[in-house]
Amino acid sequence: MSNSEVELSTTWEPSTQVIESIAAAEGVDPIDLDPPLHTAIDLDALDALFSPTSGVPRPEGRVEFEYAEYEVVVSSDGSVTVDPRDTTASEQ
């Protein structure tokens, strides 16, 4: 499991944090992620979802999605969690 938290600022880009967290879980350089993250989620939309509006932080929220073998959760508090997907249910 990889769990990363960043200090939120007006320049926080969740897409960058997600890429770095998944790369760490995979043990690869972020540029070597395969498939590219944009095949699982729109990175611009992810960043826009958590960006402040008129300088005011967005209210609490989170986005969950699957990427390769992982469940990824991005929260408005700056946390990104990358956990292996439970594939036992789909194998039965």
Foldseek 3Di string as FASTA:
>chain_A
DFKDFDQDDQPDQVLVVQLVRVCVVVVHDSVPDPPNPCVWDPRVVSRVVQHDDPPHGDPWDWDWTDDDQWIWIQISRRMIDTDGDDCPVVVD
